[in-house]
Structure formats: structure tokens, C-alpha cells
């Protein structure tokens, strides 16, 4: 089985992973800090 990693920092995800919607994509992140980084990047890119 392939380990899933955080979309922001590439850390291995565990049972505390969070789903974050960026534009039309849903990605998994490891923590609130990574979720916020992706949200900020999504608003700047779009």
C-alpha cells in the first residue's frame, strides 16, 4: 500500500488528515497550518 502524503509539506498522513478544497480540487493535508498555506496559495493563483 502506498502511503498518502500532505499536499503542502509531503509529510505522511495519518488518521488526523484534513480535506481542503482549493478551487475545484479537494486535497488532504496534515494540519491546520498546511491547510491555511494552501488556501492562501489558491487565492493568490486564482
N, C-alpha and C. Protein backbone atom coordinates (compact mmCIF):
# COMPACT_ATOMS: atom_id res chain seq x y z
N UNK A 1 0.83 -1.18 0.00
CA UNK A 1 0.00 0.00 0.00
C UNK A 1 0.88 1.25 0.00
N UNK A 2 0.55 2.21 -0.81
CA UNK A 2 1.31 3.45 -0.90
C UNK A 2 0.83 4.42 0.17
N UNK A 3 1.77 5.02 0.88
CA UNK A 3 1.42 5.99 1.91
C UNK A 3 0.96 7.29 1.26
N UNK A 4 -0.07 7.90 1.82
CA UNK A 4 -0.54 9.20 1.35
C UNK A 4 0.28 10.28 2.04
N UNK A 5 0.51 11.37 1.31
CA UNK A 5 1.28 12.47 1.89
C UNK A 5 0.51 13.77 1.79
N UNK A 6 0.88 14.70 2.64
CA UNK A 6 0.26 16.02 2.70
C UNK A 6 0.52 16.78 1.39
N UNK A 7 -0.52 17.45 0.89
CA UNK A 7 -0.39 18.21 -0.36
C UNK A 7 0.50 19.43 -0.20
N UNK A 8 0.72 19.88 1.03
CA UNK A 8 1.52 21.09 1.25
C UNK A 8 2.97 20.79 1.62
N UNK A 9 3.19 19.81 2.49
CA UNK A 9 4.55 19.61 3.01
C UNK A 9 5.11 18.21 2.78
N UNK A 10 4.34 17.32 2.17
CA UNK A 10 4.75 15.94 1.88
C UNK A 10 4.97 15.06 3.10
N UNK A 11 4.49 15.49 4.27
CA UNK A 11 4.53 14.61 5.44
C UNK A 11 3.54 13.48 5.24
N UNK A 12 3.82 12.33 5.83
CA UNK A 12 2.91 11.21 5.73
C UNK A 12 1.62 11.51 6.50
N UNK A 13 0.48 11.20 5.88
CA UNK A 13 -0.80 11.47 6.52
C UNK A 13 -1.20 10.31 7.42
N UNK A 14 -1.89 10.66 8.50
CA UNK A 14 -2.41 9.64 9.40
C UNK A 14 -3.91 9.87 9.57
N UNK A 15 -4.49 9.36 10.63
CA UNK A 15 -5.94 9.46 10.83
C UNK A 15 -6.41 10.89 11.11
N UNK A 16 -5.49 11.83 11.36
CA UNK A 16 -5.88 13.21 11.63
C UNK A 16 -5.88 14.08 10.38
N UNK A 17 -5.71 13.48 9.21
CA UNK A 17 -5.66 14.24 7.95
C UNK A 17 -6.96 15.01 7.75
N UNK A 18 -6.83 16.17 7.09
CA UNK A 18 -7.97 17.04 6.84
C UNK A 18 -8.16 17.19 5.33
N UNK A 19 -9.40 17.36 4.90
CA UNK A 19 -9.69 17.64 3.50
C UNK A 19 -9.84 19.13 3.32
N UNK A 20 -9.22 19.68 2.27
CA UNK A 20 -9.27 21.11 1.98
C UNK A 20 -9.64 21.27 0.51
N UNK A 21 -10.57 22.17 0.23
CA UNK A 21 -10.96 22.44 -1.15
C UNK A 21 -10.20 23.66 -1.65
N UNK A 22 -9.47 23.48 -2.73
CA UNK A 22 -8.71 24.54 -3.37
C UNK A 22 -9.24 24.65 -4.79
N UNK A 23 -9.98 25.71 -5.08
CA UNK A 23 -10.62 25.82 -6.38
C UNK A 23 -11.65 24.72 -6.53
N UNK A 24 -11.43 23.83 -7.49
CA UNK A 24 -12.34 22.70 -7.71
C UNK A 24 -11.76 21.39 -7.23
N UNK A 25 -10.55 21.43 -6.66
CA UNK A 25 -9.88 20.21 -6.21
C UNK A 25 -9.99 20.06 -4.70
N UNK A 26 -10.11 18.82 -4.26
CA UNK A 26 -10.09 18.50 -2.83
C UNK A 26 -8.80 17.76 -2.56
N UNK A 27 -8.01 18.25 -1.61
CA UNK A 27 -6.72 17.64 -1.27
C UNK A 27 -6.68 17.35 0.22
N UNK A 28 -5.77 16.47 0.61
CA UNK A 28 -5.59 16.13 2.01
C UNK A 28 -4.35 16.80 2.56
N UNK A 29 -4.45 17.32 3.77
CA UNK A 29 -3.32 17.95 4.45
C UNK A 29 -3.20 17.38 5.85
N UNK A 30 -2.03 17.61 6.46
CA UNK A 30 -1.77 17.02 7.77
C UNK A 30 -2.22 17.88 8.95
N UNK A 31 -2.36 19.21 8.73
CA UNK A 31 -2.67 20.09 9.86
C UNK A 31 -3.30 21.39 9.40
N UNK A 32 -3.78 22.19 10.35
CA UNK A 32 -4.39 23.48 10.05
C UNK A 32 -3.41 24.42 9.36
N UNK A 33 -2.16 24.39 9.76
CA UNK A 33 -1.15 25.27 9.17
C UNK A 33 -0.98 25.00 7.67
N UNK A 34 -0.92 23.74 7.29
CA UNK A 34 -0.80 23.39 5.88
C UNK A 34 -2.08 23.75 5.12
N UNK A 35 -3.22 23.56 5.74
CA UNK A 35 -4.49 23.92 5.11
C UNK A 35 -4.51 25.41 4.81
N UNK A 36 -4.08 26.23 5.75
CA UNK A 36 -4.07 27.68 5.56
C UNK A 36 -3.09 28.07 4.45
N UNK A 37 -1.93 27.43 4.40
CA UNK A 37 -0.95 27.72 3.34
C UNK A 37 -1.55 27.45 1.97
N UNK A 38 -2.26 26.34 1.82
CA UNK A 38 -2.86 26.03 0.53
C UNK A 38 -4.00 26.96 0.19
N UNK A 39 -4.79 27.35 1.17
CA UNK A 39 -5.88 28.30 0.91
C UNK A 39 -5.31 29.63 0.43
N UNK A 40 -4.25 30.11 1.08
CA UNK A 40 -3.63 31.36 0.68
C UNK A 40 -3.04 31.26 -0.73
N UNK A 41 -2.39 30.17 -1.03
CA UNK A 41 -1.80 29.98 -2.34
C UNK A 41 -2.89 29.90 -3.40
N UNK A 42 -4.01 29.28 -3.07
CA UNK A 42 -5.12 29.16 -4.02
C UNK A 42 -5.75 30.51 -4.34
N UNK A 43 -5.83 31.40 -3.37
CA UNK A 43 -6.43 32.70 -3.63
C UNK A 43 -5.47 33.59 -4.42
N UNK A 44 -4.18 33.42 -4.25
CA UNK A 44 -3.20 34.22 -4.99
C UNK A 44 -3.08 33.74 -6.43
N UNK A 45 -3.25 32.46 -6.66
CA UNK A 45 -3.09 31.91 -8.00
C UNK A 45 -4.32 32.14 -8.87
N UNK A 46 -5.47 32.29 -8.25
CA UNK A 46 -6.68 32.28 -8.99
C UNK A 46 -7.29 33.52 -9.39
